[in-house]
Every structure is written in C-alpha cells, then in structure tokens.
Amino acid sequence: MDFIITGRHTDITEAIKNYAQEKTAKLPRYYNSINQVKVLIDGNKHNNISVNITARAEHNKIFIAEETSNNAYKGIDLAVHKLERQLRRKKEKERNSKHSVG
C-alpha cells in the first residue's frame, strides 16, 4: 500500500507522519483492496488544522474523509474513524449484494 502525506501551510513532523501512517495502515482491514492512501494536513489561519484522507481502492473506488480540529492528531483520528465507517459500509453492501437471493 502506498502512503503519501503532504502538508499545506504547516510543517509535517516525523511524529505526525508516523502517527498518520500507523493509523491508516489499519484501513485494509475494513476493505482489503485499498492500494493508496493520501493524507493532506492543512493549517488554517484560525489555528485550526484540516485533515483530508483519500483512500484509493481497486476499480477506481475512492473514499474521502475530511475533518477539522485544533490538533493534528485529533484530526487524523476523526478522519480515520470516518473513513473506517465508509469502508465498513461499502464492504457490507458488496457482501449483501453477492449473497442476495434473486
């Protein structure tokens, strides 16, 4: 799985990079065809940090989660949680459509 992290209007420390990579490494557990994760951390002028996580899967499936927080770590946690919900829902829909009686 490819991992890309970029920062806009803020510096990305090695600790934040490692934290984001550790958190997003668990995403294939919810949807196993994920092959790329991009994390964009944007520091706004109002002391808020916006975290945007984009997960790309096979067959051009794209999942996006965005959160704003006053702390980069908290923003990463919230965005990953939102993405986990999306991936869980997608996998459940695929499983149900494969096993439906029709």
N, C-alpha and C. Protein backbone atom coordinates (compact mmCIF):
# COMPACT_ATOMS: atom_id res chain seq x y z
N MET A 1 0.85 -1.18 0.00
CA MET A 1 0.00 0.00 0.00
C MET A 1 0.89 1.24 0.00
N ASP A 2 0.61 2.15 -0.90
CA ASP A 2 1.34 3.41 -0.97
C ASP A 2 0.80 4.37 0.08
N PHE A 3 1.69 5.13 0.70
CA PHE A 3 1.30 6.12 1.69
C PHE A 3 1.95 7.44 1.33
N ILE A 4 1.12 8.48 1.17
CA ILE A 4 1.62 9.81 0.82
C ILE A 4 1.05 10.80 1.83
N ILE A 5 1.93 11.60 2.44
CA ILE A 5 1.47 12.63 3.37
C ILE A 5 2.05 13.96 2.92
N THR A 6 1.20 14.97 2.87
CA THR A 6 1.66 16.31 2.49
C THR A 6 1.08 17.32 3.46
N GLY A 7 1.79 18.41 3.60
CA GLY A 7 1.34 19.49 4.47
C GLY A 7 1.22 20.78 3.70
N ARG A 8 0.18 21.50 3.99
CA ARG A 8 -0.04 22.79 3.34
C ARG A 8 -0.18 23.83 4.46
N HIS A 9 0.64 24.84 4.41
CA HIS A 9 0.66 25.92 5.41
C HIS A 9 1.02 25.41 6.80
N THR A 10 1.65 24.27 6.87
CA THR A 10 2.09 23.72 8.15
C THR A 10 3.25 22.76 7.91
N ASP A 11 4.05 22.56 8.92
CA ASP A 11 5.16 21.61 8.82
C ASP A 11 4.70 20.25 9.33
N ILE A 12 5.09 19.21 8.60
CA ILE A 12 4.77 17.85 8.99
C ILE A 12 5.99 17.29 9.73
N THR A 13 5.83 17.04 11.01
CA THR A 13 6.92 16.46 11.77
C THR A 13 6.96 14.96 11.53
N GLU A 14 8.08 14.37 11.87
CA GLU A 14 8.23 12.92 11.71
C GLU A 14 7.23 12.18 12.60
N ALA A 15 6.93 12.73 13.77
CA ALA A 15 5.97 12.11 14.68
C ALA A 15 4.57 12.09 14.08
N ILE A 16 4.16 13.20 13.46
CA ILE A 16 2.83 13.25 12.83
C ILE A 16 2.79 12.29 11.64
N LYS A 17 3.85 12.24 10.86
CA LYS A 17 3.90 11.33 9.72
C LYS A 17 3.78 9.88 10.18
N ASN A 18 4.52 9.51 11.20
CA ASN A 18 4.46 8.14 11.72
C ASN A 18 3.08 7.82 12.28
N TYR A 19 2.49 8.79 12.97
CA TYR A 19 1.16 8.59 13.56
C TYR A 19 0.11 8.37 12.47
N ALA A 20 0.15 9.20 11.43
CA ALA A 20 -0.81 9.07 10.34
C ALA A 20 -0.62 7.74 9.60
N GLN A 21 0.62 7.35 9.41
CA GLN A 21 0.89 6.09 8.72
C GLN A 21 0.42 4.90 9.56
N GLU A 22 0.64 4.97 10.85
CA GLU A 22 0.21 3.90 11.75
C GLU A 22 -1.31 3.76 11.75
N LYS A 23 -2.01 4.88 11.79
CA LYS A 23 -3.48 4.86 11.83
C LYS A 23 -4.07 4.39 10.50
N THR A 24 -3.53 4.86 9.37
CA THR A 24 -4.09 4.49 8.08
C THR A 24 -3.68 3.09 7.64
N ALA A 25 -2.66 2.53 8.26
CA ALA A 25 -2.23 1.16 7.91
C ALA A 25 -3.31 0.14 8.26
N LYS A 26 -4.22 0.50 9.14
CA LYS A 26 -5.29 -0.41 9.56
C LYS A 26 -6.48 -0.41 8.60
N LEU A 27 -6.52 0.51 7.64
CA LEU A 27 -7.67 0.63 6.75
C LEU A 27 -7.93 -0.61 5.89
N PRO A 28 -6.90 -1.30 5.37
CA PRO A 28 -7.19 -2.51 4.58
C PRO A 28 -7.91 -3.60 5.37
N ARG A 29 -7.91 -3.50 6.67
CA ARG A 29 -8.64 -4.45 7.49
C ARG A 29 -10.15 -4.33 7.23
N TYR A 30 -10.60 -3.12 6.90
CA TYR A 30 -12.03 -2.88 6.67
C TYR A 30 -12.42 -3.08 5.20
N TYR A 31 -11.49 -2.85 4.29
CA TYR A 31 -11.75 -3.01 2.86
C TYR A 31 -10.42 -3.38 2.23
N ASN A 32 -10.25 -4.64 1.88
CA ASN A 32 -8.91 -5.16 1.59
C ASN A 32 -8.33 -4.79 0.22
N SER A 33 -9.04 -4.11 -0.64
CA SER A 33 -8.47 -3.77 -1.94
C SER A 33 -7.90 -2.35 -2.00
N ILE A 34 -7.66 -1.73 -0.85
CA ILE A 34 -7.06 -0.39 -0.82
C ILE A 34 -5.59 -0.50 -1.21
N ASN A 35 -5.18 0.36 -2.17
CA ASN A 35 -3.79 0.30 -2.61
C ASN A 35 -3.05 1.63 -2.44
N GLN A 36 -3.76 2.72 -2.09
CA GLN A 36 -3.08 4.00 -1.88
C GLN A 36 -3.85 4.84 -0.88
N VAL A 37 -3.11 5.49 0.02
CA VAL A 37 -3.70 6.40 0.99
C VAL A 37 -2.93 7.72 0.93
N LYS A 38 -3.68 8.82 0.76
CA LYS A 38 -3.08 10.16 0.76
C LYS A 38 -3.63 10.92 1.96
N VAL A 39 -2.74 11.54 2.70
CA VAL A 39 -3.13 12.36 3.85
C VAL A 39 -2.66 13.78 3.57
N LEU A 40 -3.59 14.73 3.62
CA LEU A 40 -3.27 16.14 3.43
C LEU A 40 -3.61 16.88 4.72
N ILE A 41 -2.62 17.51 5.30
CA ILE A 41 -2.81 18.28 6.53
C ILE A 41 -2.63 19.74 6.18
N ASP A 42 -3.69 20.52 6.41
CA ASP A 42 -3.71 21.92 6.02
C ASP A 42 -3.89 22.78 7.27
N GLY A 43 -2.92 23.64 7.54
CA GLY A 43 -3.02 24.55 8.67
C GLY A 43 -3.68 25.85 8.26
N ASN A 44 -4.82 26.15 8.83
CA ASN A 44 -5.55 27.37 8.50
C ASN A 44 -5.05 28.54 9.34
N LYS A 45 -5.49 29.73 9.02
CA LYS A 45 -5.04 30.90 9.77
C LYS A 45 -5.82 31.10 11.06
N HIS A 46 -6.84 30.30 11.33
CA HIS A 46 -7.64 30.42 12.55
C HIS A 46 -7.24 29.38 13.59
N ASN A 47 -5.98 28.93 13.57
CA ASN A 47 -5.47 27.92 14.49
C ASN A 47 -6.20 26.59 14.40
N ASN A 48 -6.84 26.31 13.28
CA ASN A 48 -7.47 25.03 13.04
C ASN A 48 -6.65 24.27 12.01
N ILE A 49 -6.69 22.96 12.12
CA ILE A 49 -5.97 22.10 11.19
C ILE A 49 -6.99 21.21 10.50
N SER A 50 -6.96 21.24 9.19
CA SER A 50 -7.86 20.42 8.39
C SER A 50 -7.11 19.19 7.91
N VAL A 51 -7.70 18.01 8.13
CA VAL A 51 -7.08 16.75 7.71
C VAL A 51 -7.98 16.12 6.66
N ASN A 52 -7.42 15.83 5.51
CA ASN A 52 -8.15 15.19 4.42
C ASN A 52 -7.44 13.88 4.10
N ILE A 53 -8.17 12.76 4.19
CA ILE A 53 -7.61 11.45 3.89
C ILE A 53 -8.36 10.88 2.69
N THR A 54 -7.61 10.50 1.68
CA THR A 54 -8.18 9.90 0.48
C THR A 54 -7.62 8.49 0.34
N ALA A 55 -8.52 7.51 0.30
CA ALA A 55 -8.11 6.11 0.12
C ALA A 55 -8.58 5.65 -1.25
N ARG A 56 -7.64 5.14 -2.04
CA ARG A 56 -7.98 4.63 -3.37
C ARG A 56 -7.93 3.11 -3.33
N ALA A 57 -8.95 2.50 -3.93
CA ALA A 57 -9.02 1.05 -3.98
C ALA A 57 -9.06 0.60 -5.43
N GLU A 58 -9.08 -0.70 -5.63
CA GLU A 58 -9.14 -1.24 -6.98
C GLU A 58 -10.43 -0.81 -7.66
N HIS A 59 -10.42 -0.83 -8.97
CA HIS A 59 -11.57 -0.47 -9.81
C HIS A 59 -12.00 0.99 -9.62
N ASN A 60 -11.03 1.88 -9.41
CA ASN A 60 -11.26 3.32 -9.29
C ASN A 60 -12.24 3.71 -8.19
N LYS A 61 -12.26 2.97 -7.11
CA LYS A 61 -13.10 3.33 -5.97
C LYS A 61 -12.30 4.29 -5.09
N ILE A 62 -12.92 5.42 -4.76
CA ILE A 62 -12.24 6.44 -3.96
C ILE A 62 -13.09 6.74 -2.74
N PHE A 63 -12.44 6.77 -1.59
CA PHE A 63 -13.10 7.09 -0.33
C PHE A 63 -12.40 8.31 0.26
N ILE A 64 -13.19 9.32 0.68
CA ILE A 64 -12.62 10.57 1.17
C ILE A 64 -13.23 10.91 2.52
N ALA A 65 -12.39 11.31 3.45
CA ALA A 65 -12.86 11.79 4.75
C ALA A 65 -12.10 13.07 5.08
N GLU A 66 -12.83 14.06 5.59
CA GLU A 66 -12.22 15.34 5.94
C GLU A 66 -12.71 15.77 7.31
N GLU A 67 -11.79 16.21 8.13
CA GLU A 67 -12.11 16.68 9.48
C GLU A 67 -11.29 17.93 9.78
N THR A 68 -11.85 18.78 10.62
CA THR A 68 -11.15 19.98 11.08
C THR A 68 -11.07 19.92 12.59
N SER A 69 -9.90 20.22 13.11
CA SER A 69 -9.68 20.16 14.56
C SER A 69 -8.60 21.17 14.92
N ASN A 70 -8.42 21.38 16.21
CA ASN A 70 -7.37 22.28 16.66
C ASN A 70 -6.05 21.54 16.87
N ASN A 71 -6.05 20.22 16.67
CA ASN A 71 -4.89 19.38 16.89
C ASN A 71 -4.77 18.40 15.72
N ALA A 72 -3.58 18.23 15.17
CA ALA A 72 -3.39 17.35 14.01
C ALA A 72 -3.70 15.90 14.37
N TYR A 73 -3.28 15.47 15.56
CA TYR A 73 -3.51 14.08 15.96
C TYR A 73 -5.01 13.78 16.09
N LYS A 74 -5.73 14.70 16.69
CA LYS A 74 -7.17 14.53 16.85
C LYS A 74 -7.87 14.53 15.49
N GLY A 75 -7.43 15.40 14.59
CA GLY A 75 -8.00 15.45 13.24
C GLY A 75 -7.76 14.16 12.47
N ILE A 76 -6.56 13.59 12.62
CA ILE A 76 -6.25 12.31 11.97
C ILE A 76 -7.15 11.21 12.52
N ASP A 77 -7.30 11.17 13.85
CA ASP A 77 -8.16 10.16 14.47
C ASP A 77 -9.60 10.25 13.95
N LEU A 78 -10.14 11.47 13.93
CA LEU A 78 -11.53 11.65 13.49
C LEU A 78 -11.71 11.29 12.01
N ALA A 79 -10.76 11.69 11.17
CA ALA A 79 -10.86 11.38 9.74
C ALA A 79 -10.73 9.89 9.48
N VAL A 80 -9.83 9.22 10.20
CA VAL A 80 -9.67 7.77 10.03
C VAL A 80 -10.93 7.06 10.48
N HIS A 81 -11.52 7.51 11.58
CA HIS A 81 -12.76 6.90 12.07
C HIS A 81 -13.88 7.05 11.02
N LYS A 82 -13.98 8.22 10.42
CA LYS A 82 -15.00 8.47 9.40
C LYS A 82 -14.76 7.56 8.18
N LEU A 83 -13.50 7.41 7.80
CA LEU A 83 -13.15 6.56 6.66
C LEU A 83 -13.44 5.09 6.97
N GLU A 84 -13.16 4.66 8.19
CA GLU A 84 -13.46 3.28 8.58
C GLU A 84 -14.95 2.98 8.42
N ARG A 85 -15.80 3.93 8.82
CA ARG A 85 -17.25 3.74 8.67
C ARG A 85 -17.63 3.60 7.21
N GLN A 86 -17.06 4.43 6.34
CA GLN A 86 -17.35 4.36 4.91
C GLN A 86 -16.94 3.00 4.34
N LEU A 87 -15.73 2.55 4.70
CA LEU A 87 -15.22 1.29 4.18
C LEU A 87 -16.04 0.11 4.67
N ARG A 88 -16.43 0.14 5.94
CA ARG A 88 -17.25 -0.93 6.51
C ARG A 88 -18.59 -1.02 5.78
N ARG A 89 -19.21 0.15 5.54
CA ARG A 89 -20.49 0.19 4.84
C ARG A 89 -20.38 -0.36 3.43
N LYS A 90 -19.31 0.03 2.71
CA LYS A 90 -19.11 -0.42 1.34
C LYS A 90 -18.92 -1.93 1.28
N LYS A 91 -18.11 -2.46 2.19
CA LYS A 91 -17.85 -3.89 2.20
C LYS A 91 -19.14 -4.66 2.54
N GLU A 92 -19.91 -4.13 3.46
CA GLU A 92 -21.17 -4.78 3.84
C GLU A 92 -22.15 -4.79 2.66
N LYS A 93 -22.23 -3.69 1.92
CA LYS A 93 -23.11 -3.64 0.75
C LYS A 93 -22.68 -4.65 -0.31
N GLU A 94 -21.37 -4.75 -0.53
CA GLU A 94 -20.87 -5.71 -1.52
C GLU A 94 -21.16 -7.14 -1.10
N ARG A 95 -20.98 -7.45 0.16
CA ARG A 95 -21.27 -8.79 0.65
C ARG A 95 -22.74 -9.12 0.53
N ASN A 96 -23.60 -8.17 0.89
CA ASN A 96 -25.04 -8.41 0.82
C ASN A 96 -25.51 -8.57 -0.62
N SER A 97 -24.94 -7.84 -1.55
CA SER A 97 -25.39 -7.95 -2.94
C SER A 97 -24.91 -9.26 -3.56
N LYS A 98 -23.79 -9.81 -3.10
CA LYS A 98 -23.31 -11.09 -3.61
C LYS A 98 -24.16 -12.25 -3.14
N HIS A 99 -24.72 -12.14 -1.95
CA HIS A 99 -25.43 -13.25 -1.35
C HIS A 99 -26.95 -13.07 -1.36
N SER A 100 -27.44 -12.12 -2.12
CA SER A 100 -28.88 -11.92 -2.15
C SER A 100 -29.54 -12.97 -3.04
N VAL A 101 -30.72 -13.34 -2.66
CA VAL A 101 -31.47 -14.32 -3.43
C VAL A 101 -32.26 -13.57 -4.50
N GLY A 102 -32.07 -13.93 -5.71
CA GLY A 102 -32.74 -13.14 -6.73
C GLY A 102 -33.10 -13.95 -7.87
